[in-house]
Amino acid sequence: MSDFVEQCRREWRRLGVPDPLAEEMAADLASDLNEAEAEGVSAEELLGNSSSDPRSFAASWAAERGIIPGPLSQPTRRRPRSLMAFTAIAAIALIGAAALLLTGEPQLTLRTSQAPHPLGPLPPGVGGQVVHTTSASAPIEWILLVLAIIALGFAAWLWSNWSRSRPPTAPA
């Protein structure tokens, strides 16, 4: 009796395969291995990658025959809706802040004048001096941009942790 068949027999015993079925399977396996050897076919050619892992081979064969339950199919994990919503909001905030910074609206013009003009406020360049033109909301836009980048980084970290927390699948 080959060592491979004996290791399979031990695995079937461990898995709770009834003795008569385990003996039948061991006899079939030994017969197949002996026939293959007589025909000049190696165990590796007959069994493929399973020839180096008798426990896996025994478990998959017992599961295929319906003697033991097969590996439970892993339920597909859906991405949490709250994480998708958080990521979408952070992306929208990033795009909005970037667009506002690029357009520079609304504009604020600061000017000084020597004395009040009797005709009222003067346009820039007439009787006054334009000191600075800037976006009135730039500080808020920069803060929003930085917060959106931080939020997207946090979302990326959550996504990577979510994908790594999946349970491993058992080999068949």
C-alpha atoms as a PDB file:
ATOM      1  CA  MET A   1       0.000   0.000   0.000  1.00  0.00           C
ATOM      2  CA  SER A   2       1.504   3.293  -1.003  1.00  0.00           C
ATOM      3  CA  ASP A   3       2.201   6.046   1.481  1.00  0.00           C
ATOM      4  CA  PHE A   4      -0.083   8.370  -0.519  1.00  0.00           C
ATOM      5  CA  VAL A   5      -3.067   6.018  -0.091  1.00  0.00           C
ATOM      6  CA  GLU A   6      -2.345   5.648   3.622  1.00  0.00           C
ATOM      7  CA  GLN A   7      -2.220   9.429   4.103  1.00  0.00           C
ATOM      8  CA  CYS A   8      -5.533   9.732   2.251  1.00  0.00           C
ATOM      9  CA  ARG A   9      -7.012   7.044   4.490  1.00  0.00           C
ATOM     10  CA  ARG A  10      -5.908   8.968   7.612  1.00  0.00           C
ATOM     11  CA  GLU A  11      -7.448  12.150   6.214  1.00  0.00           C
ATOM     12  CA  TRP A  12     -10.753  10.410   5.493  1.00  0.00           C
ATOM     13  CA  ARG A  13     -10.770   9.081   9.046  1.00  0.00           C
ATOM     14  CA  ARG A  14     -10.116  12.597  10.342  1.00  0.00           C
ATOM     15  CA  LEU A  15     -12.925  13.996   8.187  1.00  0.00           C
ATOM     16  CA  GLY A  16     -15.359  11.392   9.506  1.00  0.00           C
ATOM     17  CA  VAL A  17     -15.775   9.369   6.324  1.00  0.00           C
ATOM     18  CA  PRO A  18     -17.387   6.057   7.287  1.00  0.00           C
ATOM     19  CA  ASP A  19     -14.860   3.187   7.326  1.00  0.00           C
ATOM     20  CA  PRO A  20     -16.517   1.122   4.561  1.00  0.00           C
ATOM     21  CA  LEU A  21     -16.508   4.131   2.206  1.00  0.00           C
ATOM     22  CA  ALA A  22     -12.950   5.051   3.154  1.00  0.00           C
ATOM     23  CA  GLU A  23     -11.810   1.470   2.449  1.00  0.00           C
ATOM     24  CA  GLU A  24     -13.626   1.478  -0.898  1.00  0.00           C
ATOM     25  CA  MET A  25     -12.049   4.788  -1.879  1.00  0.00           C
ATOM     26  CA  ALA A  26      -8.602   3.625  -0.722  1.00  0.00           C
ATOM     27  CA  ALA A  27      -8.957   0.436  -2.757  1.00  0.00           C
ATOM     28  CA  ASP A  28     -10.036   2.413  -5.832  1.00  0.00           C
ATOM     29  CA  LEU A  29      -7.142   4.820  -5.416  1.00  0.00           C
ATOM     30  CA  ALA A  30      -4.595   2.031  -4.899  1.00  0.00           C
ATOM     31  CA  SER A  31      -5.966   0.206  -7.945  1.00  0.00           C
ATOM     32  CA  ASP A  32      -5.755   3.348 -10.083  1.00  0.00           C
ATOM     33  CA  LEU A  33      -2.211   4.053  -8.918  1.00  0.00           C
ATOM     34  CA  ASN A  34      -1.131   0.440  -9.595  1.00  0.00           C
ATOM     35  CA  GLU A  35      -2.699   0.468 -13.088  1.00  0.00           C
ATOM     36  CA  ALA A  36      -1.027   3.772 -13.893  1.00  0.00           C
ATOM     37  CA  GLU A  37       2.314   2.442 -12.683  1.00  0.00           C
ATOM     38  CA  ALA A  38       1.920  -0.702 -14.811  1.00  0.00           C
ATOM     39  CA  GLU A  39       1.218   1.492 -17.844  1.00  0.00           C
ATOM     40  CA  GLY A  40       4.258   3.646 -17.105  1.00  0.00           C
ATOM     41  CA  VAL A  41       2.282   6.667 -15.926  1.00  0.00           C
ATOM     42  CA  SER A  42       3.619   8.346 -12.805  1.00  0.00           C
ATOM     43  CA  ALA A  43       1.444   9.294  -9.847  1.00  0.00           C
ATOM     44  CA  GLU A  44       2.187  12.956 -10.599  1.00  0.00           C
ATOM     45  CA  GLU A  45       0.813  12.566 -14.122  1.00  0.00           C
ATOM     46  CA  LEU A  46      -2.274  10.735 -12.852  1.00  0.00           C
ATOM     47  CA  LEU A  47      -3.067  13.011  -9.915  1.00  0.00           C
ATOM     48  CA  GLY A  48      -1.602  16.306 -11.132  1.00  0.00           C
ATOM     49  CA  ASN A  49      -0.786  18.841  -8.428  1.00  0.00           C
ATOM     50  CA  SER A  50      -2.671  16.737  -5.881  1.00  0.00           C
ATOM     51  CA  SER A  51       0.118  14.160  -5.819  1.00  0.00           C
ATOM     52  CA  SER A  52       2.089  16.347  -3.427  1.00  0.00           C
ATOM     53  CA  ASP A  53      -0.869  17.031  -1.097  1.00  0.00           C
ATOM     54  CA  PRO A  54      -2.710  13.828  -0.126  1.00  0.00           C
ATOM     55  CA  ARG A  55      -4.839  15.587   2.514  1.00  0.00           C
ATOM     56  CA  SER A  56      -6.246  18.038   0.007  1.00  0.00           C
ATOM     57  CA  PHE A  57      -6.763  15.283  -2.550  1.00  0.00           C
ATOM     58  CA  ALA A  58      -8.619  13.114  -0.014  1.00  0.00           C
ATOM     59  CA  ALA A  59     -10.838  15.977   1.136  1.00  0.00           C
ATOM     60  CA  SER A  60     -11.745  17.092  -2.374  1.00  0.00           C
ATOM     61  CA  TRP A  61     -12.491  13.533  -3.516  1.00  0.00           C
ATOM     62  CA  ALA A  62     -14.727  12.896  -0.496  1.00  0.00           C
ATOM     63  CA  ALA A  63     -16.515  16.193  -1.118  1.00  0.00           C
ATOM     64  CA  GLU A  64     -16.992  15.398  -4.825  1.00  0.00           C
ATOM     65  CA  ARG A  65     -18.554  12.053  -3.903  1.00  0.00           C
ATOM     66  CA  GLY A  66     -20.887  13.855  -1.498  1.00  0.00           C
ATOM     67  CA  ILE A  67     -19.591  11.967   1.528  1.00  0.00           C
ATOM     68  CA  ILE A  68     -18.589  15.130   3.349  1.00  0.00           C
ATOM     69  CA  PRO A  69     -19.881  18.624   2.797  1.00  0.00           C
ATOM     70  CA  GLY A  70     -17.801  20.567   0.301  1.00  0.00           C
ATOM     71  CA  PRO A  71     -16.135  23.811   1.201  1.00  0.00           C
ATOM     72  CA  LEU A  72     -18.782  26.323   2.036  1.00  0.00           C
ATOM     73  CA  SER A  73     -19.102  28.894  -0.650  1.00  0.00           C
ATOM     74  CA  GLN A  74     -18.105  32.204   0.793  1.00  0.00           C
ATOM     75  CA  PRO A  75     -20.936  34.697   0.705  1.00  0.00           C
ATOM     76  CA  THR A  76     -20.045  37.637  -1.436  1.00  0.00           C
ATOM     77  CA  ARG A  77     -19.415  40.591   0.765  1.00  0.00           C
ATOM     78  CA  ARG A  78     -20.990  43.759  -0.437  1.00  0.00           C
ATOM     79  CA  ARG A  79     -19.212  47.005   0.034  1.00  0.00           C
ATOM     80  CA  PRO A  80     -20.809  49.010   2.820  1.00  0.00           C
ATOM     81  CA  ARG A  81     -23.084  51.703   1.476  1.00  0.00           C
ATOM     82  CA  SER A  82     -21.901  54.166   4.090  1.00  0.00           C
ATOM     83  CA  LEU A  83     -18.294  53.770   2.886  1.00  0.00           C
ATOM     84  CA  MET A  84     -19.359  54.273  -0.734  1.00  0.00           C
ATOM     85  CA  ALA A  85     -21.337  57.395   0.250  1.00  0.00           C
ATOM     86  CA  PHE A  86     -18.428  58.774   2.293  1.00  0.00           C
ATOM     87  CA  THR A  87     -16.047  58.254  -0.623  1.00  0.00           C
ATOM     88  CA  ALA A  88     -18.454  59.904  -3.066  1.00  0.00           C
ATOM     89  CA  ILE A  89     -18.986  62.936  -0.822  1.00  0.00           C
ATOM     90  CA  ALA A  90     -15.236  63.341  -0.300  1.00  0.00           C
ATOM     91  CA  ALA A  91     -14.642  63.141  -4.056  1.00  0.00           C
ATOM     92  CA  ILE A  92     -17.373  65.699  -4.768  1.00  0.00           C
ATOM     93  CA  ALA A  93     -15.933  68.039  -2.124  1.00  0.00           C
ATOM     94  CA  LEU A  94     -12.468  67.698  -3.659  1.00  0.00           C
ATOM     95  CA  ILE A  95     -13.745  68.452  -7.159  1.00  0.00           C
ATOM     96  CA  GLY A  96     -15.854  71.387  -5.906  1.00  0.00           C
ATOM     97  CA  ALA A  97     -13.005  72.943  -3.930  1.00  0.00           C
ATOM     98  CA  ALA A  98     -10.609  72.559  -6.845  1.00  0.00           C
ATOM     99  CA  ALA A  99     -13.113  74.116  -9.264  1.00  0.00           C
ATOM    100  CA  LEU A 100     -13.742  77.074  -6.945  1.00  0.00           C
ATOM    101  CA  LEU A 101     -10.021  77.662  -6.503  1.00  0.00           C
ATOM    102  CA  LEU A 102      -9.409  77.499 -10.251  1.00  0.00           C
ATOM    103  CA  THR A 103     -12.200  79.933 -11.134  1.00  0.00           C
ATOM    104  CA  GLY A 104     -11.324  82.331  -8.290  1.00  0.00           C
ATOM    105  CA  GLU A 105     -14.915  83.474  -7.781  1.00  0.00           C
ATOM    106  CA  PRO A 106     -16.100  85.652  -6.087  1.00  0.00           C
ATOM    107  CA  GLN A 107     -13.496  88.409  -6.509  1.00  0.00           C
ATOM    108  CA  LEU A 108     -12.761  90.999  -3.849  1.00  0.00           C
ATOM    109  CA  THR A 109     -11.056  94.277  -4.716  1.00  0.00           C
ATOM    110  CA  LEU A 110      -9.352  96.312  -2.055  1.00  0.00           C
ATOM    111  CA  ARG A 111      -8.524  99.961  -2.797  1.00  0.00           C
ATOM    112  CA  THR A 112      -7.568 103.055  -0.950  1.00  0.00           C
ATOM    113  CA  SER A 113      -8.329 106.657  -1.729  1.00  0.00           C
ATOM    114  CA  GLN A 114      -6.904 109.889  -0.419  1.00  0.00           C
ATOM    115  CA  ALA A 115     -10.212 111.500   0.493  1.00  0.00           C
ATOM    116  CA  PRO A 116     -13.854 110.777  -0.131  1.00  0.00           C
ATOM    117  CA  HIS A 117     -14.878 111.947  -3.577  1.00  0.00           C
ATOM    118  CA  PRO A 118     -17.945 114.217  -3.750  1.00  0.00           C
ATOM    119  CA  LEU A 119     -19.452 112.210  -6.603  1.00  0.00           C
ATOM    120  CA  GLY A 120     -19.452 108.972  -4.614  1.00  0.00           C
ATOM    121  CA  PRO A 121     -17.446 105.775  -5.007  1.00  0.00           C
ATOM    122  CA  LEU A 122     -15.028 105.760  -7.881  1.00  0.00           C
ATOM    123  CA  PRO A 123     -14.186 102.832 -10.134  1.00  0.00           C
ATOM    124  CA  PRO A 124     -10.693 101.342  -9.746  1.00  0.00           C
ATOM    125  CA  GLY A 125      -7.991 103.510 -11.218  1.00  0.00           C
ATOM    126  CA  VAL A 126      -9.976 106.740 -11.008  1.00  0.00           C
ATOM    127  CA  GLY A 127      -9.012 108.822  -7.984  1.00  0.00           C
ATOM    128  CA  GLY A 128      -8.086 105.723  -6.006  1.00  0.00           C
ATOM    129  CA  GLN A 129      -5.452 103.087  -6.055  1.00  0.00           C
ATOM    130  CA  VAL A 130      -6.183  99.358  -6.411  1.00  0.00           C
ATOM    131  CA  VAL A 131      -4.171  97.573  -3.777  1.00  0.00           C
ATOM    132  CA  HIS A 132      -5.165  93.926  -4.228  1.00  0.00           C
ATOM    133  CA  THR A 133      -7.679  91.761  -6.076  1.00  0.00           C
ATOM    134  CA  THR A 134      -8.280  88.311  -4.625  1.00  0.00           C
ATOM    135  CA  SER A 135     -10.881  85.641  -4.156  1.00  0.00           C
ATOM    136  CA  ALA A 136     -13.033  86.424  -1.138  1.00  0.00           C
ATOM    137  CA  SER A 137     -13.529  82.775  -0.239  1.00  0.00           C
ATOM    138  CA  ALA A 138     -10.019  81.443  -0.948  1.00  0.00           C
ATOM    139  CA  PRO A 139      -9.226  80.502   2.673  1.00  0.00           C
ATOM    140  CA  ILE A 140     -12.416  78.466   2.955  1.00  0.00           C
ATOM    141  CA  GLU A 141     -11.776  76.791  -0.399  1.00  0.00           C
ATOM    142  CA  TRP A 142      -8.243  75.814   0.640  1.00  0.00           C
ATOM    143  CA  ILE A 143      -9.512  74.388   3.913  1.00  0.00           C
ATOM    144  CA  LEU A 144     -12.207  72.430   2.035  1.00  0.00           C
ATOM    145  CA  LEU A 145      -9.604  71.153  -0.428  1.00  0.00           C
ATOM    146  CA  VAL A 146      -7.282  69.945   2.345  1.00  0.00           C
ATOM    147  CA  LEU A 147     -10.151  68.295   4.249  1.00  0.00           C
ATOM    148  CA  ALA A 148     -11.364  66.575   1.073  1.00  0.00           C
ATOM    149  CA  ILE A 149      -7.879  65.210   0.381  1.00  0.00           C
ATOM    150  CA  ILE A 150      -7.648  63.916   3.958  1.00  0.00           C
ATOM    151  CA  ALA A 151     -11.123  62.356   3.659  1.00  0.00           C
ATOM    152  CA  LEU A 152     -10.201  60.615   0.407  1.00  0.00           C
ATOM    153  CA  GLY A 153      -7.008  59.296   1.975  1.00  0.00           C
ATOM    154  CA  PHE A 154      -9.029  57.972   4.899  1.00  0.00           C
ATOM    155  CA  ALA A 155     -11.540  56.393   2.504  1.00  0.00           C
ATOM    156  CA  ALA A 156      -8.704  54.718   0.582  1.00  0.00           C
ATOM    157  CA  TRP A 157      -7.350  53.324   3.850  1.00  0.00           C
ATOM    158  CA  LEU A 158     -10.820  52.010   4.785  1.00  0.00           C
ATOM    159  CA  TRP A 159     -11.214  50.389   1.359  1.00  0.00           C
ATOM    160  CA  SER A 160      -7.839  48.667   1.649  1.00  0.00           C
ATOM    161  CA  ASN A 161      -8.696  47.367   5.124  1.00  0.00           C
ATOM    162  CA  TRP A 162     -12.094  46.192   3.907  1.00  0.00           C
ATOM    163  CA  SER A 163     -10.593  44.177   1.069  1.00  0.00           C
ATOM    164  CA  ARG A 164      -7.942  42.635   3.360  1.00  0.00           C
ATOM    165  CA  SER A 165     -10.544  41.623   5.958  1.00  0.00           C
ATOM    166  CA  ARG A 166     -12.142  39.108   3.610  1.00  0.00           C
ATOM    167  CA  PRO A 167     -11.970  35.573   4.892  1.00  0.00           C
ATOM    168  CA  PRO A 168      -9.575  33.349   2.933  1.00  0.00           C
ATOM    169  CA  THR A 169     -11.096  30.763   0.662  1.00  0.00           C
ATOM    170  CA  ALA A 170     -10.251  27.142   1.279  1.00  0.00           C
ATOM    171  CA  PRO A 171      -8.601  25.187  -1.528  1.00  0.00           C
ATOM    172  CA  ALA A 172     -10.917  22.749  -3.242  1.00  0.00           C
END
